[in-house]
C-alpha cells in the first residue's frame, strides 16, 4: 500500500499504521514524498497479539484464506472463543499495546496429535476501503548506558607489569 507522506513529513521505516478501526500494517519503505506500508494481512508480517478477554498471547500471521489472519501454535486447550477481540501485545516494540487487530471468526479442531488448534480472525482494519490512515510515532525507550557499544570498552586489569 502506498501513502502520500514520506521522509519530508517525518515518516520513518518501522512506524505502525492504523485506521479508525485498528492496525493496518507497518511503514517498510520511505521515500521523500511517499511511503510503502506492508499490510497486516501480508504473508510476511507476523504480529504479536493478545486475546483481550484472557490476556493470552499469540502471533497473528497474514496470508490466510479470504484475507483472514491466522493464529498459529495455540495449544488445543487455549481459552479462545469465536468473537474474541485481538489487540496488539506491545511485545515487539513496534506497535503499542492495546490497538485493535481483529476478531476471531473460526476455530478449527486441533491436529491429529491434539497439540495445536487453528484460529482464524477477521482484521479490524479495512485498508482497502479507507482513505485516511494514521502513522503512529511511537516513542521507544532509550537504551541503558551499559547497552551502548561505545561505553562497553573492556577494562584493563592491573598486572605485575603495571
C-alpha atoms as a PDB file:
ATOM      1  CA  UNK A   1       0.000   0.000   0.000  1.00  0.00           C
ATOM      2  CA  UNK A   2       1.432   3.394  -0.965  1.00  0.00           C
ATOM      3  CA  UNK A   3       0.687   6.512   1.060  1.00  0.00           C
ATOM      4  CA  UNK A   4       1.267  10.163   0.152  1.00  0.00           C
ATOM      5  CA  UNK A   5       3.582  11.071   3.035  1.00  0.00           C
ATOM      6  CA  UNK A   6       7.283  10.353   3.353  1.00  0.00           C
ATOM      7  CA  UNK A   7      10.651  11.480   4.731  1.00  0.00           C
ATOM      8  CA  UNK A   8       9.822  15.153   4.272  1.00  0.00           C
ATOM      9  CA  UNK A   9       6.789  14.630   6.543  1.00  0.00           C
ATOM     10  CA  UNK A  10       8.777  12.883   9.264  1.00  0.00           C
ATOM     11  CA  UNK A  11       7.929   9.271   8.423  1.00  0.00           C
ATOM     12  CA  UNK A  12      10.408   6.524   9.225  1.00  0.00           C
ATOM     13  CA  UNK A  13      10.557   2.857   8.327  1.00  0.00           C
ATOM     14  CA  UNK A  14       9.115   0.720  11.093  1.00  0.00           C
ATOM     15  CA  UNK A  15       6.326   3.060  12.171  1.00  0.00           C
ATOM     16  CA  UNK A  16       2.966   1.373  12.793  1.00  0.00           C
ATOM     17  CA  UNK A  17      -0.015   2.357  10.638  1.00  0.00           C
ATOM     18  CA  UNK A  18      -3.653   2.277  11.735  1.00  0.00           C
ATOM     19  CA  UNK A  19      -7.061   3.364  10.537  1.00  0.00           C
ATOM     20  CA  UNK A  20     -10.075   4.276  12.666  1.00  0.00           C
ATOM     21  CA  UNK A  21     -10.843   0.587  13.238  1.00  0.00           C
ATOM     22  CA  UNK A  22      -7.419  -0.899  14.017  1.00  0.00           C
ATOM     23  CA  UNK A  23      -3.931  -1.884  12.873  1.00  0.00           C
ATOM     24  CA  UNK A  24      -3.336  -1.703   9.111  1.00  0.00           C
ATOM     25  CA  UNK A  25       0.380  -2.532   8.969  1.00  0.00           C
ATOM     26  CA  UNK A  26       3.825  -1.010   9.191  1.00  0.00           C
ATOM     27  CA  UNK A  27       5.830   1.501   7.147  1.00  0.00           C
ATOM     28  CA  UNK A  28       8.511  -0.534   5.380  1.00  0.00           C
ATOM     29  CA  UNK A  29       9.949   1.828   2.772  1.00  0.00           C
ATOM     30  CA  UNK A  30      10.156   5.608   2.881  1.00  0.00           C
ATOM     31  CA  UNK A  31      10.807   7.994   0.010  1.00  0.00           C
ATOM     32  CA  UNK A  32      10.878  11.804   0.208  1.00  0.00           C
ATOM     33  CA  UNK A  33       7.172  12.298  -0.606  1.00  0.00           C
ATOM     34  CA  UNK A  34       5.671   8.847  -0.184  1.00  0.00           C
ATOM     35  CA  UNK A  35       5.973   5.626   1.756  1.00  0.00           C
ATOM     36  CA  UNK A  36       5.146   1.967   1.382  1.00  0.00           C
ATOM     37  CA  UNK A  37       3.126   0.139   4.029  1.00  0.00           C
ATOM     38  CA  UNK A  38       3.281  -3.612   4.437  1.00  0.00           C
ATOM     39  CA  UNK A  39      -0.223  -4.679   5.362  1.00  0.00           C
ATOM     40  CA  UNK A  40      -1.047  -6.820   8.354  1.00  0.00           C
ATOM     41  CA  UNK A  41      -2.689  -9.319   6.001  1.00  0.00           C
ATOM     42  CA  UNK A  42       0.559  -9.843   4.032  1.00  0.00           C
ATOM     43  CA  UNK A  43       2.184 -13.231   4.484  1.00  0.00           C
ATOM     44  CA  UNK A  44       5.480 -11.795   5.759  1.00  0.00           C
ATOM     45  CA  UNK A  45       4.013  -9.616   8.500  1.00  0.00           C
ATOM     46  CA  UNK A  46       3.631 -11.585  11.766  1.00  0.00           C
ATOM     47  CA  UNK A  47       2.289  -9.592  14.701  1.00  0.00           C
ATOM     48  CA  UNK A  48       2.335 -10.454  18.432  1.00  0.00           C
ATOM     49  CA  UNK A  49      -1.234 -10.194  19.719  1.00  0.00           C
ATOM     50  CA  UNK A  50      -3.167 -10.721  22.901  1.00  0.00           C
ATOM     51  CA  UNK A  51      -6.664 -12.067  23.377  1.00  0.00           C
ATOM     52  CA  UNK A  52      -8.356  -9.145  25.139  1.00  0.00           C
ATOM     53  CA  UNK A  53     -10.684 -11.333  27.209  1.00  0.00           C
ATOM     54  CA  UNK A  54      -7.997 -13.633  28.661  1.00  0.00           C
ATOM     55  CA  UNK A  55      -4.669 -11.874  28.164  1.00  0.00           C
ATOM     56  CA  UNK A  56      -3.302 -14.962  26.407  1.00  0.00           C
ATOM     57  CA  UNK A  57      -0.663 -14.141  23.816  1.00  0.00           C
ATOM     58  CA  UNK A  58      -0.265 -15.471  20.296  1.00  0.00           C
ATOM     59  CA  UNK A  59       1.189 -14.483  16.939  1.00  0.00           C
ATOM     60  CA  UNK A  60      -1.092 -13.437  14.076  1.00  0.00           C
ATOM     61  CA  UNK A  61       0.075 -14.258  10.568  1.00  0.00           C
ATOM     62  CA  UNK A  62      -1.283 -12.736   7.379  1.00  0.00           C
ATOM     63  CA  UNK A  63      -1.724 -14.529   4.089  1.00  0.00           C
ATOM     64  CA  UNK A  64      -4.663 -16.620   5.239  1.00  0.00           C
ATOM     65  CA  UNK A  65      -7.677 -17.567   3.173  1.00  0.00           C
ATOM     66  CA  UNK A  66     -10.136 -14.766   2.331  1.00  0.00           C
ATOM     67  CA  UNK A  67      -7.832 -12.102   3.812  1.00  0.00           C
ATOM     68  CA  UNK A  68      -8.106 -13.579   7.304  1.00  0.00           C
ATOM     69  CA  UNK A  69      -5.353 -13.617   9.909  1.00  0.00           C
ATOM     70  CA  UNK A  70      -4.237 -16.932  11.310  1.00  0.00           C
ATOM     71  CA  UNK A  71      -3.185 -17.516  14.895  1.00  0.00           C
ATOM     72  CA  UNK A  72      -0.725 -20.382  14.845  1.00  0.00           C
ATOM     73  CA  UNK A  73       0.796 -22.545  17.530  1.00  0.00           C
ATOM     74  CA  UNK A  74      -2.010 -22.182  20.058  1.00  0.00           C
ATOM     75  CA  UNK A  75      -2.406 -25.105  22.419  1.00  0.00           C
ATOM     76  CA  UNK A  76      -5.577 -27.115  21.872  1.00  0.00           C
ATOM     77  CA  UNK A  77      -6.522 -26.254  25.455  1.00  0.00           C
ATOM     78  CA  UNK A  78      -6.233 -22.479  24.854  1.00  0.00           C
ATOM     79  CA  UNK A  79      -9.173 -20.436  26.143  1.00  0.00           C
ATOM     80  CA  UNK A  80     -10.292 -18.795  22.910  1.00  0.00           C
ATOM     81  CA  UNK A  81     -13.807 -18.301  21.586  1.00  0.00           C
ATOM     82  CA  UNK A  82     -15.495 -17.002  18.463  1.00  0.00           C
ATOM     83  CA  UNK A  83     -15.858 -13.188  18.621  1.00  0.00           C
ATOM     84  CA  UNK A  84     -12.852 -12.789  20.955  1.00  0.00           C
ATOM     85  CA  UNK A  85     -11.089  -9.498  20.252  1.00  0.00           C
ATOM     86  CA  UNK A  86      -7.391  -9.487  19.399  1.00  0.00           C
ATOM     87  CA  UNK A  87      -5.239  -6.482  20.334  1.00  0.00           C
ATOM     88  CA  UNK A  88      -1.555  -5.712  19.968  1.00  0.00           C
ATOM     89  CA  UNK A  89       0.518  -7.074  22.845  1.00  0.00           C
ATOM     90  CA  UNK A  90       3.290  -4.481  22.592  1.00  0.00           C
ATOM     91  CA  UNK A  91       5.947  -7.199  22.873  1.00  0.00           C
ATOM     92  CA  UNK A  92       7.519  -6.430  19.503  1.00  0.00           C
ATOM     93  CA  UNK A  93       8.407  -2.841  20.440  1.00  0.00           C
ATOM     94  CA  UNK A  94       6.785  -1.608  17.217  1.00  0.00           C
ATOM     95  CA  UNK A  95       3.078  -1.462  17.996  1.00  0.00           C
ATOM     96  CA  UNK A  96       1.921  -0.008  21.317  1.00  0.00           C
ATOM     97  CA  UNK A  97      -0.172  -2.420  23.399  1.00  0.00           C
ATOM     98  CA  UNK A  98      -3.955  -2.446  23.101  1.00  0.00           C
ATOM     99  CA  UNK A  99      -4.528  -1.455  19.462  1.00  0.00           C
ATOM    100  CA  UNK A 100      -7.394  -3.437  17.861  1.00  0.00           C
ATOM    101  CA  UNK A 101      -6.141  -6.126  15.460  1.00  0.00           C
ATOM    102  CA  UNK A 102      -9.125  -8.338  14.719  1.00  0.00           C
ATOM    103  CA  UNK A 103     -11.943 -10.600  15.839  1.00  0.00           C
ATOM    104  CA  UNK A 104     -11.901 -14.405  15.969  1.00  0.00           C
ATOM    105  CA  UNK A 105     -14.261 -15.837  13.354  1.00  0.00           C
ATOM    106  CA  UNK A 106     -13.292 -19.518  13.106  1.00  0.00           C
ATOM    107  CA  UNK A 107     -11.715 -22.071  15.386  1.00  0.00           C
ATOM    108  CA  UNK A 108     -10.613 -25.338  13.807  1.00  0.00           C
ATOM    109  CA  UNK A 109     -10.070 -28.515  15.751  1.00  0.00           C
ATOM    110  CA  UNK A 110      -6.578 -29.468  16.835  1.00  0.00           C
ATOM    111  CA  UNK A 111      -4.447 -31.697  14.628  1.00  0.00           C
ATOM    112  CA  UNK A 112      -4.146 -35.459  14.932  1.00  0.00           C
ATOM    113  CA  UNK A 113      -1.587 -35.130  17.729  1.00  0.00           C
ATOM    114  CA  UNK A 114      -4.040 -32.895  19.615  1.00  0.00           C
ATOM    115  CA  UNK A 115      -1.377 -30.316  20.326  1.00  0.00           C
ATOM    116  CA  UNK A 116      -2.334 -27.221  18.352  1.00  0.00           C
ATOM    117  CA  UNK A 117      -5.565 -25.742  17.045  1.00  0.00           C
ATOM    118  CA  UNK A 118      -6.026 -23.297  14.167  1.00  0.00           C
ATOM    119  CA  UNK A 119      -7.730 -19.971  14.740  1.00  0.00           C
ATOM    120  CA  UNK A 120      -8.782 -17.510  12.025  1.00  0.00           C
ATOM    121  CA  UNK A 121      -9.546 -13.845  12.663  1.00  0.00           C
ATOM    122  CA  UNK A 122     -11.092 -11.048  10.625  1.00  0.00           C
ATOM    123  CA  UNK A 123      -8.804  -7.984  10.641  1.00  0.00           C
ATOM    124  CA  UNK A 124     -10.312  -4.941  12.358  1.00  0.00           C
ATOM    125  CA  UNK A 125      -8.826  -2.507   9.842  1.00  0.00           C
ATOM    126  CA  UNK A 126     -10.042  -2.179   6.288  1.00  0.00           C
ATOM    127  CA  UNK A 127      -7.098  -0.638   4.457  1.00  0.00           C
ATOM    128  CA  UNK A 128      -8.641  -1.389   1.067  1.00  0.00           C
ATOM    129  CA  UNK A 129     -11.748   0.638   1.963  1.00  0.00           C
ATOM    130  CA  UNK A 130     -10.173   3.571   3.840  1.00  0.00           C
ATOM    131  CA  UNK A 131      -8.781   6.805   2.522  1.00  0.00           C
ATOM    132  CA  UNK A 132      -7.376   8.106   5.791  1.00  0.00           C
ATOM    133  CA  UNK A 133      -4.622   6.326   7.684  1.00  0.00           C
ATOM    134  CA  UNK A 134      -2.749   7.233  10.830  1.00  0.00           C
ATOM    135  CA  UNK A 135       1.010   6.700  11.056  1.00  0.00           C
ATOM    136  CA  UNK A 136       1.953   6.428  14.724  1.00  0.00           C
ATOM    137  CA  UNK A 137       5.088   7.955  16.149  1.00  0.00           C
ATOM    138  CA  UNK A 138       5.966   5.556  18.906  1.00  0.00           C
ATOM    139  CA  UNK A 139       8.497   6.752  21.455  1.00  0.00           C
ATOM    140  CA  UNK A 140      10.980   4.000  22.084  1.00  0.00           C
ATOM    141  CA  UNK A 141      12.777   3.943  25.443  1.00  0.00           C
ATOM    142  CA  UNK A 142      16.441   4.891  25.380  1.00  0.00           C
ATOM    143  CA  UNK A 143      18.949   2.107  25.801  1.00  0.00           C
ATOM    144  CA  UNK A 144      20.705   1.960  29.181  1.00  0.00           C
ATOM    145  CA  UNK A 145      24.295   3.190  29.172  1.00  0.00           C
ATOM    146  CA  UNK A 146      25.619  -0.357  29.604  1.00  0.00           C
ATOM    147  CA  UNK A 147      23.966  -1.339  26.310  1.00  0.00           C
ATOM    148  CA  UNK A 148      25.733   1.466  24.447  1.00  0.00           C
ATOM    149  CA  UNK A 149      28.540  -0.187  22.405  1.00  0.00           C
ATOM    150  CA  UNK A 150      30.756   2.901  22.810  1.00  0.00           C
ATOM    151  CA  UNK A 151      30.663   2.590  26.602  1.00  0.00           C
ATOM    152  CA  UNK A 152      31.359  -1.144  26.526  1.00  0.00           C
ATOM    153  CA  UNK A 153      35.127  -0.697  26.350  1.00  0.00           C
ATOM    154  CA  UNK A 154      36.972  -3.535  28.065  1.00  0.00           C
ATOM    155  CA  UNK A 155      38.510  -2.588  31.384  1.00  0.00           C
ATOM    156  CA  UNK A 156      42.192  -3.259  31.819  1.00  0.00           C
ATOM    157  CA  UNK A 157      43.262  -5.223  34.797  1.00  0.00           C
ATOM    158  CA  UNK A 158      46.401  -4.305  36.636  1.00  0.00           C
ATOM    159  CA  UNK A 159      49.007  -6.962  36.429  1.00  0.00           C
ATOM    160  CA  UNK A 160      52.576  -7.392  37.554  1.00  0.00           C
ATOM    161  CA  UNK A 161      53.952  -5.191  34.802  1.00  0.00           C
ATOM    162  CA  UNK A 162      51.653  -2.225  35.509  1.00  0.00           C
END
